[in-house]
Amino acid sequence: MSRVLTGPQKAALKNLASGRESSWGLSGRSAFGGHTRTMLSLYQGGLIDKNYEITQAGRNAIQAPKGL
């Protein structure tokens, strides 16, 4: 997945990388509804696996670029 991540995608990946549930910090039905699509896009992009665990590609995607 070479495109830029959205805010919700970054938040979900950072939560997973920190050992929390991907939905940690969300509140409200609308946020949880949108989270379903966020997780699907991360899975389709290979950033999480079928068990909702972050992949190495997902970890790489949330790393700060070198030199910054």
C-alpha atoms as a PDB file:
ATOM      1  CA  MET A   1       0.000   0.000   0.000  1.00  0.00           C
ATOM      2  CA  SER A   2       1.923   3.012  -1.228  1.00  0.00           C
ATOM      3  CA  ARG A   3      -0.736   5.670  -0.800  1.00  0.00           C
ATOM      4  CA  VAL A   4      -0.958   8.066   2.110  1.00  0.00           C
ATOM      5  CA  LEU A   5      -2.865   6.734   5.118  1.00  0.00           C
ATOM      6  CA  THR A   6      -5.916   8.550   6.439  1.00  0.00           C
ATOM      7  CA  GLY A   7      -6.090   9.734  10.046  1.00  0.00           C
ATOM      8  CA  PRO A   8      -8.362   6.854  11.102  1.00  0.00           C
ATOM      9  CA  GLN A   9      -6.086   4.309   9.381  1.00  0.00           C
ATOM     10  CA  LYS A  10      -3.027   5.689  11.182  1.00  0.00           C
ATOM     11  CA  ALA A  11      -4.856   5.688  14.522  1.00  0.00           C
ATOM     12  CA  ALA A  12      -5.989   2.065  14.115  1.00  0.00           C
ATOM     13  CA  LEU A  13      -2.481   0.920  13.161  1.00  0.00           C
ATOM     14  CA  LYS A  14      -0.874   2.822  16.045  1.00  0.00           C
ATOM     15  CA  ASN A  15      -3.380   1.276  18.456  1.00  0.00           C
ATOM     16  CA  LEU A  16      -2.585  -2.214  17.191  1.00  0.00           C
ATOM     17  CA  ALA A  17       1.162  -1.554  17.329  1.00  0.00           C
ATOM     18  CA  SER A  18       0.727  -0.454  20.973  1.00  0.00           C
ATOM     19  CA  GLY A  19      -1.119  -3.642  21.889  1.00  0.00           C
ATOM     20  CA  ARG A  20      -4.543  -2.019  22.132  1.00  0.00           C
ATOM     21  CA  GLU A  21      -7.721  -2.810  20.238  1.00  0.00           C
ATOM     22  CA  SER A  22      -7.821  -1.012  16.906  1.00  0.00           C
ATOM     23  CA  SER A  23     -10.969   0.839  17.999  1.00  0.00           C
ATOM     24  CA  TRP A  24      -9.451   2.167  21.222  1.00  0.00           C
ATOM     25  CA  GLY A  25     -10.466   5.791  21.758  1.00  0.00           C
ATOM     26  CA  LEU A  26     -13.520   5.704  19.513  1.00  0.00           C
ATOM     27  CA  SER A  27     -16.955   6.628  20.768  1.00  0.00           C
ATOM     28  CA  GLY A  28     -20.352   6.683  19.138  1.00  0.00           C
ATOM     29  CA  ARG A  29     -22.095   4.525  16.596  1.00  0.00           C
ATOM     30  CA  SER A  30     -20.925   6.601  13.659  1.00  0.00           C
ATOM     31  CA  ALA A  31     -17.260   6.260  14.623  1.00  0.00           C
ATOM     32  CA  PHE A  32     -17.557   2.500  15.050  1.00  0.00           C
ATOM     33  CA  GLY A  33     -19.421   2.193  11.758  1.00  0.00           C
ATOM     34  CA  GLY A  34     -16.661   4.039   9.938  1.00  0.00           C
ATOM     35  CA  HIS A  35     -14.071   1.921  11.724  1.00  0.00           C
ATOM     36  CA  THR A  36     -15.428  -1.193  10.001  1.00  0.00           C
ATOM     37  CA  ARG A  37     -14.535   0.264   6.605  1.00  0.00           C
ATOM     38  CA  THR A  38     -11.170   1.473   7.907  1.00  0.00           C
ATOM     39  CA  MET A  39     -10.254  -2.040   9.003  1.00  0.00           C
ATOM     40  CA  LEU A  40     -11.371  -3.501   5.681  1.00  0.00           C
ATOM     41  CA  SER A  41      -9.167  -1.063   3.779  1.00  0.00           C
ATOM     42  CA  LEU A  42      -6.182  -1.913   6.018  1.00  0.00           C
ATOM     43  CA  TYR A  43      -6.747  -5.636   5.424  1.00  0.00           C
ATOM     44  CA  GLN A  44      -7.087  -5.175   1.677  1.00  0.00           C
ATOM     45  CA  GLY A  45      -3.882  -3.138   1.681  1.00  0.00           C
ATOM     46  CA  GLY A  46      -1.982  -5.853   3.552  1.00  0.00           C
ATOM     47  CA  LEU A  47      -1.398  -3.679   6.623  1.00  0.00           C
ATOM     48  CA  ILE A  48      -3.286  -6.030   8.957  1.00  0.00           C
ATOM     49  CA  ASP A  49      -3.910  -9.755   8.697  1.00  0.00           C
ATOM     50  CA  LYS A  50      -7.136 -11.757   8.922  1.00  0.00           C
ATOM     51  CA  ASN A  51      -6.786 -11.850  12.716  1.00  0.00           C
ATOM     52  CA  TYR A  52      -6.677  -8.041  12.897  1.00  0.00           C
ATOM     53  CA  GLU A  53      -2.993  -8.066  13.811  1.00  0.00           C
ATOM     54  CA  ILE A  54      -0.640  -5.497  12.348  1.00  0.00           C
ATOM     55  CA  THR A  55       1.731  -6.794   9.686  1.00  0.00           C
ATOM     56  CA  GLN A  56       5.293  -5.655   9.061  1.00  0.00           C
ATOM     57  CA  ALA A  57       3.968  -3.564   6.175  1.00  0.00           C
ATOM     58  CA  GLY A  58       1.589  -1.897   8.636  1.00  0.00           C
ATOM     59  CA  ARG A  59       4.432  -1.173  11.041  1.00  0.00           C
ATOM     60  CA  ASN A  60       6.473   0.291   8.197  1.00  0.00           C
ATOM     61  CA  ALA A  61       3.547   2.481   7.140  1.00  0.00           C
ATOM     62  CA  ILE A  62       3.349   4.243  10.506  1.00  0.00           C
ATOM     63  CA  GLN A  63       7.095   4.755  10.957  1.00  0.00           C
ATOM     64  CA  ALA A  64       8.303   8.324  10.618  1.00  0.00           C
ATOM     65  CA  PRO A  65      10.295   8.889   7.427  1.00  0.00           C
ATOM     66  CA  LYS A  66      14.050   8.819   7.977  1.00  0.00           C
ATOM     67  CA  GLY A  67      15.720  12.173   8.102  1.00  0.00           C
ATOM     68  CA  LEU A  68      12.800  13.987   9.738  1.00  0.00           C
END
